[in-house]
């Protein structure tokens, strides 16, 4: 693990120790699921910065101490949220899809933000 990565991040734990909010592969009937590009993460970041983004971070597996680490490292909210999403995507690998992020956003009642993932 690199020194600047939060150590308690769910993506760095063995699968058996990950929080229940960690999503598994999406059901093929749930709609398209694809890799989360930086373009998608940028659109989501723009919307999340206008709202309470911390519940999303929690559902992604970040604990409060992780969020504090990001706050110290990134002073601009947009940069912080984007980096948090990007780190989650990169550390989660194939399970970090458009469908998994959409589901997390909907669980946080951020339906308008979830809708922008697919451009609706």
N, C-alpha and C. Protein backbone atom coordinates (compact mmCIF):
# COMPACT_ATOMS: atom_id res chain seq x y z
N UNK A 1 0.85 -1.19 0.00
CA UNK A 1 0.00 0.00 0.00
C UNK A 1 0.88 1.24 0.00
N UNK A 2 0.47 2.24 -0.73
CA UNK A 2 1.24 3.47 -0.81
C UNK A 2 1.00 4.31 0.43
N UNK A 3 1.95 5.14 0.79
CA UNK A 3 1.88 5.91 2.03
C UNK A 3 0.74 6.92 2.03
N UNK A 4 0.32 7.42 0.89
CA UNK A 4 -0.72 8.45 0.87
C UNK A 4 -2.13 7.89 0.75
N UNK A 5 -2.29 6.57 0.76
CA UNK A 5 -3.62 5.97 0.68
C UNK A 5 -4.18 5.74 2.09
N UNK A 6 -5.46 6.02 2.32
CA UNK A 6 -6.05 5.75 3.62
C UNK A 6 -5.97 4.26 3.92
N UNK A 7 -5.51 3.90 5.11
CA UNK A 7 -5.29 2.51 5.43
C UNK A 7 -6.55 1.75 5.80
N UNK A 8 -7.57 2.42 6.30
CA UNK A 8 -8.76 1.70 6.71
C UNK A 8 -9.79 1.62 5.60
N UNK A 9 -9.43 2.02 4.42
CA UNK A 9 -10.32 1.98 3.26
C UNK A 9 -10.79 0.56 3.02
N UNK A 10 -12.08 0.36 2.79
CA UNK A 10 -12.67 -0.97 2.63
C UNK A 10 -12.02 -1.75 1.51
N UNK A 11 -11.62 -1.09 0.42
CA UNK A 11 -11.04 -1.78 -0.71
C UNK A 11 -9.70 -2.43 -0.41
N UNK A 12 -9.07 -2.07 0.70
CA UNK A 12 -7.78 -2.65 1.04
C UNK A 12 -7.93 -3.81 2.01
N UNK A 13 -9.11 -4.08 2.48
CA UNK A 13 -9.35 -5.19 3.39
C UNK A 13 -9.66 -6.45 2.61
N UNK A 14 -9.41 -7.62 3.23
CA UNK A 14 -9.84 -8.85 2.57
C UNK A 14 -11.35 -8.82 2.37
N UNK A 15 -11.88 -9.48 1.33
CA UNK A 15 -13.32 -9.44 1.07
C UNK A 15 -14.18 -9.81 2.27
N UNK A 16 -13.71 -10.72 3.11
CA UNK A 16 -14.51 -11.13 4.26
C UNK A 16 -14.67 -10.02 5.29
N UNK A 17 -13.80 -9.01 5.26
CA UNK A 17 -13.86 -7.94 6.24
C UNK A 17 -14.45 -6.66 5.68
N UNK A 18 -14.86 -6.65 4.42
CA UNK A 18 -15.43 -5.45 3.82
C UNK A 18 -16.82 -5.20 4.35
N UNK A 19 -17.22 -3.93 4.44
CA UNK A 19 -18.56 -3.62 4.93
C UNK A 19 -19.64 -4.17 4.01
N UNK A 20 -20.82 -4.35 4.56
CA UNK A 20 -21.95 -4.89 3.81
C UNK A 20 -22.31 -4.04 2.61
N UNK A 21 -21.94 -2.77 2.62
CA UNK A 21 -22.30 -1.89 1.52
C UNK A 21 -21.46 -2.14 0.28
N UNK A 22 -20.39 -2.92 0.41
CA UNK A 22 -19.59 -3.26 -0.76
C UNK A 22 -20.46 -4.09 -1.68
N UNK A 23 -20.56 -3.70 -2.93
CA UNK A 23 -21.46 -4.35 -3.86
C UNK A 23 -20.76 -5.45 -4.62
N UNK A 24 -21.52 -6.47 -4.96
CA UNK A 24 -21.00 -7.54 -5.78
C UNK A 24 -21.33 -7.24 -7.23
N UNK A 25 -21.00 -8.15 -8.11
CA UNK A 25 -21.31 -7.93 -9.52
C UNK A 25 -22.79 -7.68 -9.69
N UNK A 26 -23.11 -6.79 -10.60
CA UNK A 26 -24.51 -6.45 -10.80
C UNK A 26 -25.21 -7.54 -11.59
N UNK A 27 -26.49 -7.66 -11.36
CA UNK A 27 -27.33 -8.60 -12.07
C UNK A 27 -27.48 -8.12 -13.51
N UNK A 28 -27.37 -9.00 -14.48
CA UNK A 28 -27.47 -8.56 -15.86
C UNK A 28 -28.78 -7.86 -16.18
N UNK A 29 -29.82 -8.11 -15.42
CA UNK A 29 -31.10 -7.49 -15.66
C UNK A 29 -31.23 -6.09 -15.10
N UNK A 30 -30.21 -5.60 -14.41
CA UNK A 30 -30.28 -4.30 -13.77
C UNK A 30 -29.92 -3.15 -14.69
N UNK A 31 -29.57 -3.43 -15.91
CA UNK A 31 -29.20 -2.36 -16.83
C UNK A 31 -27.73 -2.40 -17.14
N UNK A 32 -27.28 -1.48 -17.96
CA UNK A 32 -25.88 -1.52 -18.39
C UNK A 32 -24.93 -1.26 -17.22
N UNK A 33 -23.83 -1.96 -17.24
CA UNK A 33 -22.80 -1.77 -16.23
C UNK A 33 -21.48 -1.66 -16.95
N UNK A 34 -20.79 -0.58 -16.70
CA UNK A 34 -19.54 -0.37 -17.39
C UNK A 34 -18.51 0.25 -16.46
N UNK A 35 -17.30 0.32 -16.95
CA UNK A 35 -16.20 0.92 -16.22
C UNK A 35 -16.49 2.40 -15.96
N UNK A 36 -16.15 2.86 -14.77
CA UNK A 36 -16.34 4.27 -14.41
C UNK A 36 -15.19 5.10 -14.93
N UNK A 37 -15.44 5.84 -15.97
CA UNK A 37 -14.41 6.70 -16.56
C UNK A 37 -14.24 7.95 -15.70
N UNK A 38 -13.12 8.65 -15.92
CA UNK A 38 -12.92 9.93 -15.23
C UNK A 38 -14.00 10.92 -15.62
N UNK A 39 -14.49 10.83 -16.85
CA UNK A 39 -15.56 11.73 -17.30
C UNK A 39 -16.83 11.53 -16.46
N UNK A 40 -17.19 10.28 -16.22
CA UNK A 40 -18.37 9.99 -15.39
C UNK A 40 -18.12 10.47 -13.97
N UNK A 41 -16.93 10.17 -13.43
CA UNK A 41 -16.62 10.59 -12.06
C UNK A 41 -16.64 12.11 -11.92
N UNK A 42 -16.22 12.82 -12.95
CA UNK A 42 -16.26 14.28 -12.93
C UNK A 42 -17.69 14.79 -12.85
N UNK A 43 -18.58 14.21 -13.65
CA UNK A 43 -20.00 14.61 -13.62
C UNK A 43 -20.63 14.32 -12.26
N UNK A 44 -20.32 13.15 -11.71
CA UNK A 44 -20.85 12.80 -10.39
C UNK A 44 -20.29 13.74 -9.33
N UNK A 45 -19.00 14.03 -9.42
CA UNK A 45 -18.36 14.94 -8.46
C UNK A 45 -19.03 16.30 -8.46
N UNK A 46 -19.29 16.84 -9.65
CA UNK A 46 -19.93 18.16 -9.75
C UNK A 46 -21.26 18.19 -9.02
N UNK A 47 -22.03 17.13 -9.13
CA UNK A 47 -23.32 17.08 -8.44
C UNK A 47 -23.15 16.82 -6.94
N UNK A 48 -22.24 15.92 -6.59
CA UNK A 48 -22.04 15.60 -5.17
C UNK A 48 -21.56 16.81 -4.38
N UNK A 49 -20.78 17.66 -5.00
CA UNK A 49 -20.26 18.83 -4.30
C UNK A 49 -21.36 19.81 -3.91
N UNK A 50 -22.51 19.70 -4.54
CA UNK A 50 -23.66 20.56 -4.22
C UNK A 50 -24.52 19.96 -3.12
N UNK A 51 -24.16 18.76 -2.66
CA UNK A 51 -24.98 18.01 -1.70
C UNK A 51 -24.10 17.49 -0.58
N UNK A 52 -24.72 16.74 0.31
CA UNK A 52 -23.99 16.09 1.40
C UNK A 52 -23.36 14.81 0.83
N UNK A 53 -22.08 14.85 0.54
CA UNK A 53 -21.40 13.74 -0.11
C UNK A 53 -20.86 12.71 0.88
N UNK A 54 -20.81 13.04 2.17
CA UNK A 54 -20.21 12.11 3.13
C UNK A 54 -20.96 10.78 3.26
N UNK A 55 -22.30 10.75 3.20
CA UNK A 55 -22.96 9.44 3.23
C UNK A 55 -22.55 8.54 2.05
N UNK A 56 -22.28 9.15 0.91
CA UNK A 56 -21.80 8.38 -0.23
C UNK A 56 -20.42 7.80 0.08
N UNK A 57 -19.56 8.63 0.64
CA UNK A 57 -18.22 8.16 1.01
C UNK A 57 -18.32 7.00 2.00
N UNK A 58 -19.22 7.11 2.97
CA UNK A 58 -19.41 6.03 3.93
C UNK A 58 -19.86 4.74 3.25
N UNK A 59 -20.79 4.85 2.31
CA UNK A 59 -21.27 3.67 1.59
C UNK A 59 -20.20 3.07 0.69
N UNK A 60 -19.27 3.89 0.26
CA UNK A 60 -18.15 3.39 -0.54
C UNK A 60 -17.12 2.67 0.34
N UNK A 61 -17.29 2.75 1.64
CA UNK A 61 -16.40 2.05 2.56
C UNK A 61 -15.43 2.94 3.32
N UNK A 62 -15.54 4.24 3.13
CA UNK A 62 -14.65 5.16 3.84
C UNK A 62 -15.20 5.46 5.23
N UNK A 63 -14.31 5.42 6.20
CA UNK A 63 -14.67 5.74 7.57
C UNK A 63 -14.40 7.23 7.81
N UNK A 64 -14.87 7.76 8.93
CA UNK A 64 -14.70 9.18 9.23
C UNK A 64 -13.22 9.58 9.25
N UNK A 65 -12.38 8.71 9.78
CA UNK A 65 -10.95 9.05 9.82
C UNK A 65 -10.36 9.12 8.42
N UNK A 66 -10.89 8.30 7.48
CA UNK A 66 -10.45 8.39 6.09
C UNK A 66 -10.85 9.73 5.49
N UNK A 67 -12.09 10.13 5.76
CA UNK A 67 -12.60 11.40 5.23
C UNK A 67 -11.77 12.56 5.77
N UNK A 68 -11.41 12.50 7.05
CA UNK A 68 -10.56 13.55 7.63
C UNK A 68 -9.21 13.61 6.95
N UNK A 69 -8.67 12.45 6.61
CA UNK A 69 -7.39 12.41 5.90
C UNK A 69 -7.52 13.09 4.55
N UNK A 70 -8.60 12.81 3.84
CA UNK A 70 -8.83 13.45 2.53
C UNK A 70 -9.03 14.95 2.70
N UNK A 71 -9.73 15.36 3.76
CA UNK A 71 -9.95 16.80 4.00
C UNK A 71 -8.63 17.54 4.23
N UNK A 72 -7.71 16.89 4.95
CA UNK A 72 -6.40 17.51 5.19
C UNK A 72 -5.58 17.59 3.91
N UNK A 73 -5.69 16.58 3.09
CA UNK A 73 -4.88 16.51 1.88
C UNK A 73 -5.42 17.39 0.75
N UNK A 74 -6.74 17.48 0.63
CA UNK A 74 -7.36 18.23 -0.46
C UNK A 74 -8.26 19.31 0.11
N UNK A 75 -7.87 20.55 -0.08
CA UNK A 75 -8.63 21.68 0.49
C UNK A 75 -9.86 22.01 -0.33
N UNK A 76 -9.79 21.84 -1.65
CA UNK A 76 -10.94 22.13 -2.52
C UNK A 76 -11.88 20.94 -2.50
N UNK A 77 -13.16 21.20 -2.23
CA UNK A 77 -14.15 20.13 -2.12
C UNK A 77 -14.22 19.29 -3.39
N UNK A 78 -14.21 19.94 -4.54
CA UNK A 78 -14.33 19.21 -5.80
C UNK A 78 -13.15 18.26 -5.99
N UNK A 79 -11.96 18.71 -5.67
CA UNK A 79 -10.78 17.86 -5.80
C UNK A 79 -10.85 16.69 -4.81
N UNK A 80 -11.30 16.96 -3.59
CA UNK A 80 -11.42 15.93 -2.56
C UNK A 80 -12.39 14.85 -3.00
N UNK A 81 -13.59 15.25 -3.42
CA UNK A 81 -14.62 14.27 -3.80
C UNK A 81 -14.18 13.47 -5.02
N UNK A 82 -13.60 14.14 -6.01
CA UNK A 82 -13.14 13.43 -7.20
C UNK A 82 -12.08 12.41 -6.84
N UNK A 83 -11.11 12.81 -6.02
CA UNK A 83 -10.02 11.90 -5.66
C UNK A 83 -10.55 10.72 -4.85
N UNK A 84 -11.49 10.96 -3.98
CA UNK A 84 -12.09 9.90 -3.19
C UNK A 84 -12.78 8.88 -4.11
N UNK A 85 -13.57 9.38 -5.07
CA UNK A 85 -14.25 8.49 -6.02
C UNK A 85 -13.24 7.74 -6.89
N UNK A 86 -12.22 8.44 -7.34
CA UNK A 86 -11.21 7.82 -8.18
C UNK A 86 -10.44 6.74 -7.41
N UNK A 87 -10.09 7.02 -6.17
CA UNK A 87 -9.39 6.01 -5.36
C UNK A 87 -10.27 4.80 -5.12
N UNK A 88 -11.56 5.03 -4.85
CA UNK A 88 -12.50 3.91 -4.66
C UNK A 88 -12.55 3.05 -5.92
N UNK A 89 -12.69 3.71 -7.06
CA UNK A 89 -12.75 2.98 -8.34
C UNK A 89 -11.48 2.16 -8.55
N UNK A 90 -10.33 2.80 -8.36
CA UNK A 90 -9.07 2.14 -8.63
C UNK A 90 -8.79 0.98 -7.66
N UNK A 91 -9.18 1.13 -6.41
CA UNK A 91 -8.93 0.10 -5.41
C UNK A 91 -9.96 -1.01 -5.46
N UNK A 92 -11.15 -0.72 -5.95
CA UNK A 92 -12.21 -1.73 -6.00
C UNK A 92 -12.14 -2.60 -7.24
N UNK A 93 -11.44 -2.15 -8.24
CA UNK A 93 -11.27 -2.95 -9.44
C UNK A 93 -12.58 -3.16 -10.18
N UNK A 94 -12.82 -4.39 -10.66
CA UNK A 94 -13.98 -4.66 -11.50
C UNK A 94 -15.33 -4.45 -10.82
N UNK A 95 -15.37 -4.43 -9.50
CA UNK A 95 -16.66 -4.23 -8.82
C UNK A 95 -17.08 -2.76 -8.82
N UNK A 96 -16.18 -1.86 -9.18
CA UNK A 96 -16.51 -0.43 -9.25
C UNK A 96 -17.02 -0.11 -10.65
N UNK A 97 -18.31 -0.28 -10.84
CA UNK A 97 -18.94 -0.06 -12.14
C UNK A 97 -19.95 1.08 -12.05
N UNK A 98 -20.45 1.45 -13.22
CA UNK A 98 -21.50 2.47 -13.24
C UNK A 98 -22.70 2.00 -12.44
N UNK A 99 -23.03 0.72 -12.53
CA UNK A 99 -24.18 0.19 -11.80
C UNK A 99 -23.97 0.23 -10.29
N UNK A 100 -22.76 -0.10 -9.85
CA UNK A 100 -22.51 -0.11 -8.41
C UNK A 100 -22.55 1.30 -7.83
N UNK A 101 -21.98 2.27 -8.56
CA UNK A 101 -22.04 3.65 -8.08
C UNK A 101 -23.46 4.18 -8.13
N UNK A 102 -24.18 3.85 -9.18
CA UNK A 102 -25.58 4.27 -9.27
C UNK A 102 -26.38 3.75 -8.08
N UNK A 103 -26.19 2.49 -7.74
CA UNK A 103 -26.92 1.89 -6.62
C UNK A 103 -26.60 2.61 -5.30
N UNK A 104 -25.33 2.90 -5.09
CA UNK A 104 -24.92 3.61 -3.87
C UNK A 104 -25.57 4.99 -3.81
N UNK A 105 -25.56 5.71 -4.92
CA UNK A 105 -26.18 7.04 -4.95
C UNK A 105 -27.67 6.96 -4.67
N UNK A 106 -28.34 5.97 -5.21
CA UNK A 106 -29.78 5.81 -4.96
C UNK A 106 -30.04 5.43 -3.51
N UNK A 107 -29.17 4.62 -2.93
CA UNK A 107 -29.31 4.28 -1.51
C UNK A 107 -29.19 5.51 -0.63
N UNK A 108 -28.47 6.52 -1.10
CA UNK A 108 -28.31 7.77 -0.38
C UNK A 108 -29.36 8.81 -0.78
N UNK A 109 -30.37 8.36 -1.53
CA UNK A 109 -31.45 9.23 -2.02
C UNK A 109 -30.94 10.37 -2.89
N UNK A 110 -29.91 10.10 -3.66
CA UNK A 110 -29.36 11.08 -4.58
C UNK A 110 -29.69 10.64 -6.01
N UNK A 111 -30.98 10.52 -6.27
CA UNK A 111 -31.45 10.00 -7.55
C UNK A 111 -31.06 10.88 -8.73
N UNK A 112 -31.09 12.20 -8.56
CA UNK A 112 -30.69 13.09 -9.66
C UNK A 112 -29.23 12.89 -10.02
N UNK A 113 -28.41 12.69 -9.02
CA UNK A 113 -26.99 12.44 -9.26
C UNK A 113 -26.80 11.09 -9.92
N UNK A 114 -27.55 10.08 -9.47
CA UNK A 114 -27.47 8.75 -10.07
C UNK A 114 -27.89 8.79 -11.53
N UNK A 115 -28.86 9.60 -11.85
CA UNK A 115 -29.36 9.68 -13.23
C UNK A 115 -28.32 10.19 -14.21
N UNK A 116 -27.39 11.03 -13.75
CA UNK A 116 -26.41 11.60 -14.69
C UNK A 116 -25.38 10.57 -15.13
N UNK A 117 -25.27 9.47 -14.42
CA UNK A 117 -24.30 8.43 -14.80
C UNK A 117 -24.58 7.94 -16.22
N UNK A 118 -25.86 7.78 -16.53
CA UNK A 118 -26.24 7.28 -17.86
C UNK A 118 -26.78 8.41 -18.75
N UNK A 119 -26.62 9.65 -18.29
CA UNK A 119 -27.02 10.78 -19.10
C UNK A 119 -28.52 11.02 -19.16
N UNK A 120 -29.24 10.53 -18.15
CA UNK A 120 -30.71 10.76 -18.16
C UNK A 120 -31.07 11.93 -17.29
